[in-house]
Amino acid sequence: MSLTDRRADVPDDATPDHAVTPGRSGHRIHPAWWVAAVTFLTIIGAAGFRSTPGVLMTPLHEEFGWPMGVIGGAVSVNLVLFGLAAPFSAALMERLGIQRVVAVALVLVSVGSLLPIWMTASWQLVLCWGIVVGLGTGAMAMSLVATVTGRWFVERRGLVTGVLTAAGATGQLIFLPVLAWLAENHGWRTAAIVTSAAALTVVPLVLWKLHDHPSVLGITAYGAPAGTPVGRPPRPTGHPAHLALATLRDAARTKVFWLLAGSFAVCGASTNGLVGTHFIPAAHDHGMPTTTAAGLLALVGVFDIVGTVFSGWLTDRVDPRILLAAYYTLRGGSLFLLPALFSDSMHVNMLAFVLFYGLDWVATVPPTIALCRSAYGERAPIVFGWVFASHQIGAAAAALGAGLVRDQLGTYDLAWYVAGALCLVAAVMCVAITTARLSDASPRRTDSGAAAPPAAQ
C-alpha cells in the first residue's frame, strides 16, 4: 500500500459508521502520515532537553561547585518522572485527547528548561529539570508513539514506530552540537534558552495537525481493511489515574510484563542513564574536549536513526524476542570494551563504538512495543507506559549511580562493566518471554472502564 488509500465505495446515504479514506484519484496523502510527521517534530522539540544534561553537567559543576552526584540526582528525578508520567499521560490521552496533553507537555518542557537560568541553589535544579521537565517529557515519551501508531496505522505499524522512535535521536543529532557550542562560547544559559524555545515552537503544529483519532476526520486508520467502521472505541469513564493503575494491576499479574519491564529497565540504564548522561563527562576526564565528546554523542544519534528505523522494519518480519536478545547481547559486549577506548582525541576504535552503539541505542523500542501490543491489545499504550516507566527507573538509577561511582572512585570504569553485565541478563530475560498467550490480544473490561490485559503467562 502506498501513502494514499483507495477511496472506499460508499453509498450516497452512508452513515459515519462507514469508512471514507483519502483517494488515489486526488493523490491525497492519508492524514495518518501528517499525524506521524507532527509527532516526529514534537519528539524532536522535546529532545532539546534530552540533550541538555550531558552538555551542561560540567559547566554547572564548574560554576556552582556542585558534585556530579548532586547534578546527576536532578537528572535522576527527571528520568524517573519521565517514565512514571508515561502511563498516566497515555490514560489522559484516552480521556482528553492526544492534542491537549501534548500541547501542555511542550509548555512544561519550555518553562522548566528556561527557569534554571535564574537558579541559585541545587534544589531549584531538581525542581526545574527534575519535576517540571520530567512531567512534560514524560507525557511525550514512548507511550505517545504507541498511542499514535496504534490509532492511526494498521499497515507499516512497526516501520512507523521505528521512525517515530528515531525522532529522539534526530533531535539529539540536531541539538547536541549546537548546545555544546553555545555552552562553550556563549555560556550554558544561552543553551538553556534555545532548549526552551525549541519546545515552544512546536506547539502551533500540534494544535493544527495532531488529530486525536481517525474518526475525527471521518476516516479509518492507514491500511485498515475495507468496511472497517469509522467509529472509535468508547472513551473510558474512569479517572485517568485509576485507569492507569488498574491497567498496571492487571498487567503485573502476568510474567510477560515483568520480563519486558525488567529488560527495558536495563535498556534505560545502559542508554539514557549511563551513556546519555555520563559519556561526555567521562570523555572529558580523559582529556577530550567537551565539543568533541558531544560530537561523538551526536554521531550516536545519526546511527540511532538508521538502527531504529531498520529495527522497526525487522519487527514486522522477525520474532521480536530474537531481536531483543540480540540487541542486548551486542550492547553488553560493547560496554565491556568502552573503558579501554577513551582517550584525549577521536580515533577509529571509538568511532566504531559510536557507530555500533548508535545502531543499537533504541532499536529495542519497536520490538518491545510489538510484544506489548500482542499481549495486551488496546491497553498496550498504557501497559507500555508502565514498561517505559521501568526503563526510566533504570536510567535514573544509572545516572545517579554512575555519578556516585565517579565521585568515590575518580573513574567511571565500574559503571560501564556493571551495565554490560546487566545487558547480558536482559538478553536472557527476553528469550524467556513466552508466547503462550501473546496471540490472545482481546482485553477484558475492568470495573473502571479499563480494558485489562489478557491472562498472559
Protein backbone atom coordinates (compact mmCIF):
# COMPACT_ATOMS: atom_id res chain seq x y z
CA MET A 1 0.00 0.00 0.00
CA SER A 2 1.27 3.49 -0.84
CA LEU A 3 0.93 6.62 1.25
CA THR A 4 -2.60 7.01 -0.10
CA ASP A 5 -5.58 4.71 0.30
CA ARG A 6 -8.14 3.88 -2.35
CA ARG A 7 -11.47 5.56 -1.65
CA ALA A 8 -14.00 3.08 -0.36
CA ASP A 9 -17.17 2.53 -2.36
CA VAL A 10 -19.58 4.28 -0.04
CA PRO A 11 -23.25 4.69 -0.90
CA ASP A 12 -24.77 8.17 -1.04
CA ASP A 13 -26.69 7.56 2.17
CA ALA A 14 -23.62 6.28 4.03
CA THR A 15 -23.53 6.94 7.74
CA PRO A 16 -20.44 7.91 9.73
CA ASP A 17 -20.01 4.22 10.58
CA HIS A 18 -18.65 3.58 7.08
CA ALA A 19 -15.01 4.19 6.29
CA VAL A 20 -14.16 7.06 3.98
CA THR A 21 -10.48 7.42 3.23
CA PRO A 22 -8.48 9.78 1.02
CA GLY A 23 -8.46 8.51 -2.54
CA ARG A 24 -5.81 7.91 -5.14
CA SER A 25 -7.71 9.96 -7.67
CA GLY A 26 -6.92 13.16 -5.81
CA HIS A 27 -3.49 11.91 -4.79
CA ARG A 28 -4.20 12.96 -1.23
CA ILE A 29 -1.80 11.76 1.43
CA HIS A 30 -3.55 9.81 4.15
CA PRO A 31 -3.85 12.07 7.25
CA ALA A 32 -2.11 9.39 9.31
CA TRP A 33 1.16 10.46 7.72
CA TRP A 34 0.59 14.10 8.71
CA VAL A 35 -0.11 13.00 12.26
CA ALA A 36 3.07 10.92 12.23
CA ALA A 37 5.06 13.86 10.85
CA VAL A 38 3.85 16.24 13.57
CA THR A 39 4.51 13.58 16.21
CA PHE A 40 8.04 13.27 14.82
CA LEU A 41 8.59 17.03 15.09
CA THR A 42 7.07 17.08 18.58
CA ILE A 43 9.53 14.48 19.82
CA ILE A 44 12.38 16.41 18.19
CA GLY A 45 11.27 19.57 20.00
CA ALA A 46 11.24 17.79 23.33
CA ALA A 47 14.60 16.17 22.53
CA GLY A 48 16.26 19.53 23.03
CA PHE A 49 16.16 18.97 26.77
CA ARG A 50 17.17 15.32 26.49
CA SER A 51 20.45 16.60 25.01
CA THR A 52 20.95 19.19 27.75
CA PRO A 53 22.19 17.32 30.87
CA GLY A 54 25.24 15.73 29.25
CA VAL A 55 26.33 19.09 27.83
CA LEU A 56 25.62 21.23 30.90
CA MET A 57 26.79 18.97 33.74
CA THR A 58 30.40 20.16 33.57
CA PRO A 59 29.54 23.90 33.24
CA LEU A 60 27.15 23.65 36.21
CA HIS A 61 29.79 21.78 38.22
CA GLU A 62 32.36 24.46 37.44
CA GLU A 63 30.10 27.47 38.11
CA PHE A 64 28.29 26.31 41.25
CA GLY A 65 30.76 23.76 42.61
CA TRP A 66 28.05 21.12 42.96
CA PRO A 67 29.29 17.50 42.96
CA MET A 68 28.47 15.41 39.89
CA GLY A 69 26.33 13.23 42.16
CA VAL A 70 24.10 16.21 43.01
CA ILE A 71 23.64 17.21 39.37
CA GLY A 72 23.17 13.58 38.44
CA GLY A 73 20.50 13.42 41.15
CA ALA A 74 18.49 16.13 39.39
CA VAL A 75 18.79 14.17 36.16
CA SER A 76 17.67 11.05 38.02
CA VAL A 77 14.49 12.76 39.24
CA ASN A 78 13.82 13.84 35.67
CA LEU A 79 14.33 10.33 34.34
CA VAL A 80 12.07 8.78 36.98
CA LEU A 81 9.23 11.23 36.33
CA PHE A 82 9.86 10.94 32.59
CA GLY A 83 8.99 7.28 32.99
CA LEU A 84 6.31 7.42 35.68
CA ALA A 85 4.36 10.10 33.81
CA ALA A 86 4.14 7.93 30.69
CA PRO A 87 1.32 5.54 31.70
CA PHE A 88 -0.73 8.37 33.23
CA SER A 89 -0.26 10.51 30.12
CA ALA A 90 -1.38 7.56 27.99
CA ALA A 91 -4.54 7.36 30.10
CA LEU A 92 -5.01 11.13 29.82
CA MET A 93 -4.73 10.85 26.04
CA GLU A 94 -7.61 8.39 26.08
CA ARG A 95 -9.73 10.76 28.17
CA LEU A 96 -8.71 14.21 26.92
CA GLY A 97 -7.14 13.54 23.54
CA ILE A 98 -3.58 13.50 22.26
CA GLN A 99 -3.53 17.13 21.16
CA ARG A 100 -4.32 18.71 24.54
CA VAL A 101 -1.93 16.51 26.50
CA VAL A 102 1.00 17.07 24.14
CA ALA A 103 0.50 20.85 23.92
CA VAL A 104 0.53 21.24 27.71
CA ALA A 105 3.55 18.94 27.94
CA LEU A 106 5.55 21.07 25.50
CA VAL A 107 4.81 24.19 27.54
CA LEU A 108 6.06 22.43 30.69
CA VAL A 109 9.30 21.45 28.95
CA SER A 110 9.78 25.03 27.75
CA VAL A 111 9.19 26.57 31.19
CA GLY A 112 11.28 24.00 33.04
CA SER A 113 14.19 24.49 30.64
CA LEU A 114 14.11 28.28 30.93
CA LEU A 115 13.77 28.82 34.70
CA PRO A 116 17.20 27.38 35.68
CA ILE A 117 18.98 30.38 34.15
CA TRP A 118 17.97 32.27 37.33
CA MET A 119 18.65 29.49 39.85
CA THR A 120 20.96 29.93 42.85
CA ALA A 121 20.64 26.56 44.64
CA SER A 122 20.73 22.90 43.63
CA TRP A 123 17.15 22.24 44.80
CA GLN A 124 15.96 24.64 42.11
CA LEU A 125 17.70 22.49 39.51
CA VAL A 126 15.87 19.46 40.88
CA LEU A 127 12.55 21.35 40.72
CA CYS A 128 13.01 22.59 37.15
CA TRP A 129 14.97 19.81 35.46
CA GLY A 130 13.65 17.03 37.63
CA ILE A 131 9.98 17.73 38.26
CA VAL A 132 8.68 20.26 35.71
CA VAL A 133 10.60 18.98 32.68
CA GLY A 134 10.27 15.38 33.87
CA LEU A 135 6.48 15.59 33.82
CA GLY A 136 6.48 17.36 30.45
CA THR A 137 8.81 14.99 28.66
CA GLY A 138 7.07 12.02 30.27
CA ALA A 139 3.84 12.99 28.54
CA MET A 140 5.67 12.75 25.21
CA ALA A 141 7.53 9.56 25.98
CA MET A 142 7.26 6.35 24.01
CA SER A 143 3.67 5.89 25.13
CA LEU A 144 2.88 8.72 22.68
CA VAL A 145 4.48 6.66 19.92
CA ALA A 146 2.48 3.59 20.96
CA THR A 147 -0.76 5.61 21.06
CA VAL A 148 -0.27 7.30 17.68
CA THR A 149 0.78 4.14 15.84
CA GLY A 150 -1.96 2.09 17.50
CA ARG A 151 -4.72 4.52 16.50
CA TRP A 152 -3.55 5.70 13.11
CA PHE A 153 -1.79 2.73 11.50
CA VAL A 154 -2.68 -0.87 10.71
CA GLU A 155 -0.13 -1.42 7.96
CA ARG A 156 3.52 -0.37 8.39
CA ARG A 157 2.99 -0.01 12.12
CA GLY A 158 6.41 -1.40 13.00
CA LEU A 159 8.16 0.84 10.49
CA VAL A 160 6.36 3.96 11.71
CA THR A 161 7.14 3.00 15.30
CA GLY A 162 10.80 2.82 14.36
CA VAL A 163 10.74 6.19 12.59
CA LEU A 164 8.98 7.95 15.47
CA THR A 165 11.30 6.36 17.99
CA ALA A 166 14.22 7.65 15.94
CA ALA A 167 12.88 11.20 16.33
CA GLY A 168 14.56 11.46 19.71
CA ALA A 169 17.89 10.55 18.14
CA THR A 170 17.28 13.05 15.35
CA GLY A 171 16.73 15.72 17.97
CA GLN A 172 19.92 14.67 19.69
CA LEU A 173 21.78 14.94 16.39
CA ILE A 174 20.43 18.45 15.88
CA PHE A 175 20.75 19.80 19.40
CA LEU A 176 23.88 18.22 20.89
CA PRO A 177 26.50 20.00 18.74
CA VAL A 178 24.55 23.26 18.86
CA LEU A 179 24.08 23.22 22.63
CA ALA A 180 27.70 22.21 23.21
CA TRP A 181 28.93 25.08 21.02
CA LEU A 182 26.59 27.55 22.70
CA ALA A 183 27.57 26.43 26.20
CA GLU A 184 31.28 26.70 25.40
CA ASN A 185 31.15 30.01 23.52
CA HIS A 186 28.15 31.86 24.97
CA GLY A 187 27.51 30.18 28.31
CA TRP A 188 25.18 27.44 29.47
CA ARG A 189 22.29 29.89 29.99
CA THR A 190 22.14 30.59 26.26
CA ALA A 191 21.94 26.87 25.62
CA ALA A 192 19.06 26.62 28.11
CA ILE A 193 17.16 29.43 26.36
CA VAL A 194 17.49 27.68 22.98
CA THR A 195 16.21 24.44 24.51
CA SER A 196 13.17 26.27 25.89
CA ALA A 197 12.41 27.96 22.56
CA ALA A 198 12.65 24.68 20.65
CA ALA A 199 9.90 23.07 22.71
CA LEU A 200 7.61 26.09 22.46
CA THR A 201 7.99 26.36 18.69
CA VAL A 202 6.26 23.02 18.08
CA VAL A 203 3.04 23.90 19.94
CA PRO A 204 1.28 25.59 16.95
CA LEU A 205 1.91 22.49 14.79
CA VAL A 206 0.41 20.27 17.48
CA LEU A 207 -2.73 22.41 17.69
CA TRP A 208 -3.05 22.39 13.90
CA LYS A 209 -2.39 18.79 12.79
CA LEU A 210 -2.06 16.37 15.72
CA HIS A 211 -5.58 14.94 15.48
CA ASP A 212 -6.77 12.64 18.23
CA HIS A 213 -8.23 9.77 16.19
CA PRO A 214 -9.04 8.93 12.52
CA SER A 215 -12.75 9.10 13.34
CA VAL A 216 -12.37 12.84 13.99
CA LEU A 217 -11.78 13.24 10.26
CA GLY A 218 -14.35 10.63 9.27
CA ILE A 219 -11.75 8.13 8.07
CA THR A 220 -10.16 4.87 9.18
CA ALA A 221 -6.57 4.14 10.14
CA TYR A 222 -3.99 3.75 7.39
CA GLY A 223 -4.19 0.23 5.98
CA ALA A 224 -7.46 -0.65 7.73
CA PRO A 225 -9.41 -3.40 5.90
CA ALA A 226 -12.26 -2.31 3.63
CA GLY A 227 -15.52 -1.99 5.52
CA THR A 228 -13.88 -1.11 8.83
CA PRO A 229 -16.23 1.19 10.78
CA VAL A 230 -15.08 4.75 11.33
CA GLY A 231 -16.22 5.00 14.95
CA ARG A 232 -13.60 4.88 17.68
CA PRO A 233 -13.88 2.75 20.84
CA PRO A 234 -15.78 4.48 23.64
CA ARG A 235 -13.65 6.65 25.91
CA PRO A 236 -13.00 5.15 29.35
CA THR A 237 -15.31 6.53 32.02
CA GLY A 238 -12.98 6.15 34.99
CA HIS A 239 -10.46 8.69 36.25
CA PRO A 240 -7.24 8.60 34.16
CA ALA A 241 -5.14 7.81 37.22
CA HIS A 242 -7.47 4.95 38.14
CA LEU A 243 -7.35 3.69 34.57
CA ALA A 244 -3.54 3.69 34.57
CA LEU A 245 -3.30 1.99 37.96
CA ALA A 246 -5.97 -0.60 37.11
CA THR A 247 -4.09 -1.48 33.94
CA LEU A 248 -0.87 -1.84 35.93
CA ARG A 249 -2.61 -4.06 38.47
CA ASP A 250 -3.77 -6.49 35.81
CA ALA A 251 -0.59 -6.41 33.75
CA ALA A 252 1.53 -7.03 36.86
CA ARG A 253 -0.20 -10.41 37.24
CA THR A 254 1.50 -11.65 34.07
CA LYS A 255 5.07 -12.88 33.71
CA VAL A 256 5.39 -11.21 30.31
CA PHE A 257 5.04 -7.78 31.92
CA TRP A 258 7.87 -8.34 34.40
CA LEU A 259 10.21 -9.73 31.77
CA LEU A 260 9.54 -6.78 29.49
CA ALA A 261 9.79 -4.26 32.33
CA GLY A 262 13.00 -5.79 33.69
CA SER A 263 14.77 -5.94 30.35
CA PHE A 264 13.62 -2.44 29.43
CA ALA A 265 14.95 -1.11 32.75
CA VAL A 266 18.37 -2.34 31.65
CA CYS A 267 17.84 -0.59 28.31
CA GLY A 268 17.28 2.70 30.11
CA ALA A 269 20.24 2.19 32.43
CA SER A 270 22.63 1.47 29.56
CA THR A 271 21.48 4.33 27.29
CA ASN A 272 19.86 7.47 28.73
CA GLY A 273 21.07 6.91 32.27
CA LEU A 274 24.69 5.99 31.67
CA VAL A 275 25.91 6.84 28.18
CA GLY A 276 23.50 9.71 27.55
CA THR A 277 24.28 11.40 30.88
CA HIS A 278 27.90 10.47 31.61
CA PHE A 279 29.64 9.80 28.29
CA ILE A 280 30.67 13.44 27.84
CA PRO A 281 31.97 13.89 31.43
CA ALA A 282 33.79 10.53 31.18
CA ALA A 283 35.45 11.54 27.92
CA HIS A 284 36.34 14.89 29.48
CA ASP A 285 38.06 13.01 32.33
CA HIS A 286 40.40 11.54 29.70
CA GLY A 287 41.23 14.96 28.25
CA MET A 288 38.77 15.03 25.37
CA PRO A 289 37.23 18.49 24.72
CA THR A 290 33.52 18.78 25.51
CA THR A 291 32.64 19.74 21.95
CA THR A 292 34.43 16.67 20.58
CA ALA A 293 32.69 14.36 23.05
CA ALA A 294 29.34 15.99 22.27
CA GLY A 295 30.03 15.45 18.58
CA LEU A 296 30.59 11.74 19.23
CA LEU A 297 27.34 11.52 21.16
CA ALA A 298 25.61 13.30 18.30
CA LEU A 299 27.00 10.66 15.95
CA VAL A 300 25.31 8.08 18.14
CA GLY A 301 22.12 9.91 17.21
CA VAL A 302 22.93 9.65 13.49
CA PHE A 303 23.32 5.89 13.59
CA ASP A 304 20.44 5.56 16.05
CA ILE A 305 18.08 6.86 13.36
CA VAL A 306 19.22 4.17 10.93
CA GLY A 307 19.20 1.43 13.55
CA THR A 308 15.78 2.24 14.94
CA VAL A 309 14.07 2.53 11.56
CA PHE A 310 15.67 -0.74 10.46
CA SER A 311 14.61 -2.35 13.74
CA GLY A 312 11.04 -1.24 13.07
CA TRP A 313 11.21 -2.84 9.63
CA LEU A 314 12.62 -6.05 11.14
CA THR A 315 9.93 -6.10 13.83
CA ASP A 316 7.29 -6.52 11.11
CA ARG A 317 9.16 -9.63 9.91
CA VAL A 318 11.18 -11.26 12.75
CA ASP A 319 10.21 -12.58 16.20
CA PRO A 320 10.64 -9.53 18.49
CA ARG A 321 12.14 -11.71 21.24
CA ILE A 322 15.00 -12.76 18.99
CA LEU A 323 15.68 -9.15 18.07
CA LEU A 324 15.73 -8.02 21.71
CA ALA A 325 18.06 -10.83 22.80
CA ALA A 326 20.49 -9.96 20.00
CA TYR A 327 20.39 -6.23 20.75
CA TYR A 328 21.10 -6.62 24.47
CA THR A 329 23.88 -9.17 23.95
CA LEU A 330 25.73 -6.96 21.48
CA ARG A 331 25.21 -3.86 23.63
CA GLY A 332 26.65 -5.60 26.69
CA GLY A 333 29.76 -6.65 24.80
CA SER A 334 30.38 -3.11 23.56
CA LEU A 335 30.11 -1.64 27.07
CA PHE A 336 32.79 -4.03 28.33
CA LEU A 337 35.12 -2.59 25.69
CA LEU A 338 34.33 1.10 26.20
CA PRO A 339 36.68 1.93 29.15
CA ALA A 340 39.69 0.97 27.03
CA LEU A 341 38.58 3.24 24.19
CA PHE A 342 38.58 6.61 25.98
CA SER A 343 41.45 8.97 25.11
CA ASP A 344 42.09 12.68 24.66
CA SER A 345 41.17 12.59 20.97
CA MET A 346 38.93 10.85 18.48
CA HIS A 347 40.23 7.60 16.97
CA VAL A 348 38.98 4.78 14.76
CA ASN A 349 38.08 2.36 17.56
CA MET A 350 35.98 4.95 19.37
CA LEU A 351 34.23 5.82 16.12
CA ALA A 352 33.47 2.12 15.65
CA PHE A 353 31.93 2.02 19.14
CA VAL A 354 29.84 5.10 18.38
CA LEU A 355 28.61 3.58 15.12
CA PHE A 356 27.65 0.29 16.74
CA TYR A 357 26.13 1.78 19.89
CA GLY A 358 24.13 4.20 17.81
CA LEU A 359 22.63 1.40 15.72
CA ASP A 360 21.64 -0.38 18.93
CA TRP A 361 20.61 2.65 21.06
CA VAL A 362 16.81 2.47 20.96
CA ALA A 363 16.45 -0.36 18.48
CA THR A 364 14.82 -2.15 21.42
CA VAL A 365 11.72 0.05 21.30
CA PRO A 366 9.85 -1.30 18.22
CA PRO A 367 10.05 -4.98 19.29
CA THR A 368 9.15 -4.10 22.88
CA ILE A 369 6.07 -2.17 21.76
CA ALA A 370 5.16 -5.04 19.42
CA LEU A 371 5.25 -7.54 22.30
CA CYS A 372 3.12 -5.23 24.46
CA ARG A 373 0.59 -4.80 21.66
CA SER A 374 0.41 -8.54 21.03
CA ALA A 375 -0.01 -9.39 24.69
CA TYR A 376 -2.27 -6.57 25.89
CA GLY A 377 -4.39 -5.42 22.96
CA GLU A 378 -5.97 -1.98 23.09
CA ARG A 379 -4.46 -1.28 26.51
CA ALA A 380 -0.97 -1.71 25.06
CA PRO A 381 -0.15 2.05 25.15
CA ILE A 382 -0.82 2.21 28.89
CA VAL A 383 0.95 -1.09 29.57
CA PHE A 384 3.90 0.10 27.53
CA GLY A 385 3.78 3.32 29.53
CA TRP A 386 4.46 1.26 32.66
CA VAL A 387 7.16 -0.74 30.88
CA PHE A 388 8.69 2.57 29.84
CA ALA A 389 8.48 3.74 33.45
CA SER A 390 10.77 0.85 34.35
CA HIS A 391 13.08 1.99 31.54
CA GLN A 392 13.37 5.39 33.17
CA ILE A 393 13.77 3.99 36.67
CA GLY A 394 16.72 2.04 35.32
CA ALA A 395 18.01 5.18 33.63
CA ALA A 396 17.65 7.20 36.84
CA ALA A 397 19.47 4.56 38.88
CA ALA A 398 22.33 4.55 36.37
CA ALA A 399 22.53 8.35 36.17
CA LEU A 400 22.75 8.63 39.95
CA GLY A 401 24.86 5.52 40.49
CA ALA A 402 27.44 6.39 37.84
CA GLY A 403 27.81 9.89 39.29
CA LEU A 404 28.41 8.42 42.75
CA VAL A 405 30.92 5.91 41.33
CA ARG A 406 32.79 8.78 39.69
CA ASP A 407 32.79 10.83 42.92
CA GLN A 408 34.05 7.90 45.02
CA LEU A 409 36.49 6.17 42.66
CA GLY A 410 37.52 9.02 40.38
CA THR A 411 36.62 6.95 37.31
CA TYR A 412 33.53 5.61 35.55
CA ASP A 413 35.03 2.21 34.69
CA LEU A 414 32.99 0.17 37.19
CA ALA A 415 29.76 1.70 35.88
CA TRP A 416 30.50 0.56 32.31
CA TYR A 417 31.26 -3.01 33.42
CA VAL A 418 28.13 -3.33 35.57
CA ALA A 419 25.94 -2.03 32.74
CA GLY A 420 27.50 -4.52 30.33
CA ALA A 421 26.72 -7.42 32.66
CA LEU A 422 23.13 -6.25 33.10
CA CYS A 423 22.65 -6.20 29.33
CA LEU A 424 23.53 -9.89 29.17
CA VAL A 425 20.95 -10.58 31.89
CA ALA A 426 18.36 -8.64 29.87
CA ALA A 427 19.08 -10.81 26.82
CA VAL A 428 18.26 -13.92 28.84
CA MET A 429 15.03 -12.32 30.11
CA CYS A 430 13.88 -11.63 26.54
CA VAL A 431 14.48 -15.22 25.50
CA ALA A 432 12.36 -16.33 28.48
CA ILE A 433 9.27 -14.41 27.30
CA THR A 434 6.56 -16.95 26.49
CA THR A 435 4.23 -16.64 23.52
CA ALA A 436 1.62 -18.93 25.06
CA ARG A 437 -0.98 -16.17 25.22
CA LEU A 438 0.57 -13.50 23.02
CA SER A 439 -1.82 -14.42 20.23
CA ASP A 440 -4.78 -13.66 22.50
CA ALA A 441 -4.93 -9.89 22.35
CA SER A 442 -8.58 -9.48 23.32
CA PRO A 443 -8.68 -7.42 26.52
CA ARG A 444 -11.37 -7.75 29.11
CA ARG A 445 -13.04 -4.81 30.79
CA THR A 446 -12.41 -3.85 34.38
CA ASP A 447 -14.89 -2.09 36.60
CA SER A 448 -13.05 1.17 35.98
CA GLY A 449 -13.68 1.10 32.27
CA ALA A 450 -10.14 -0.06 31.57
CA ALA A 451 -9.57 -2.92 29.22
CA ALA A 452 -7.46 -5.24 31.30
CA PRO A 453 -4.69 -7.31 29.75
CA PRO A 454 -5.37 -10.93 28.85
CA ALA A 455 -4.13 -13.58 31.18
CA ALA A 456 -0.69 -13.77 29.64
CA GLN A 457 1.52 -16.31 31.26
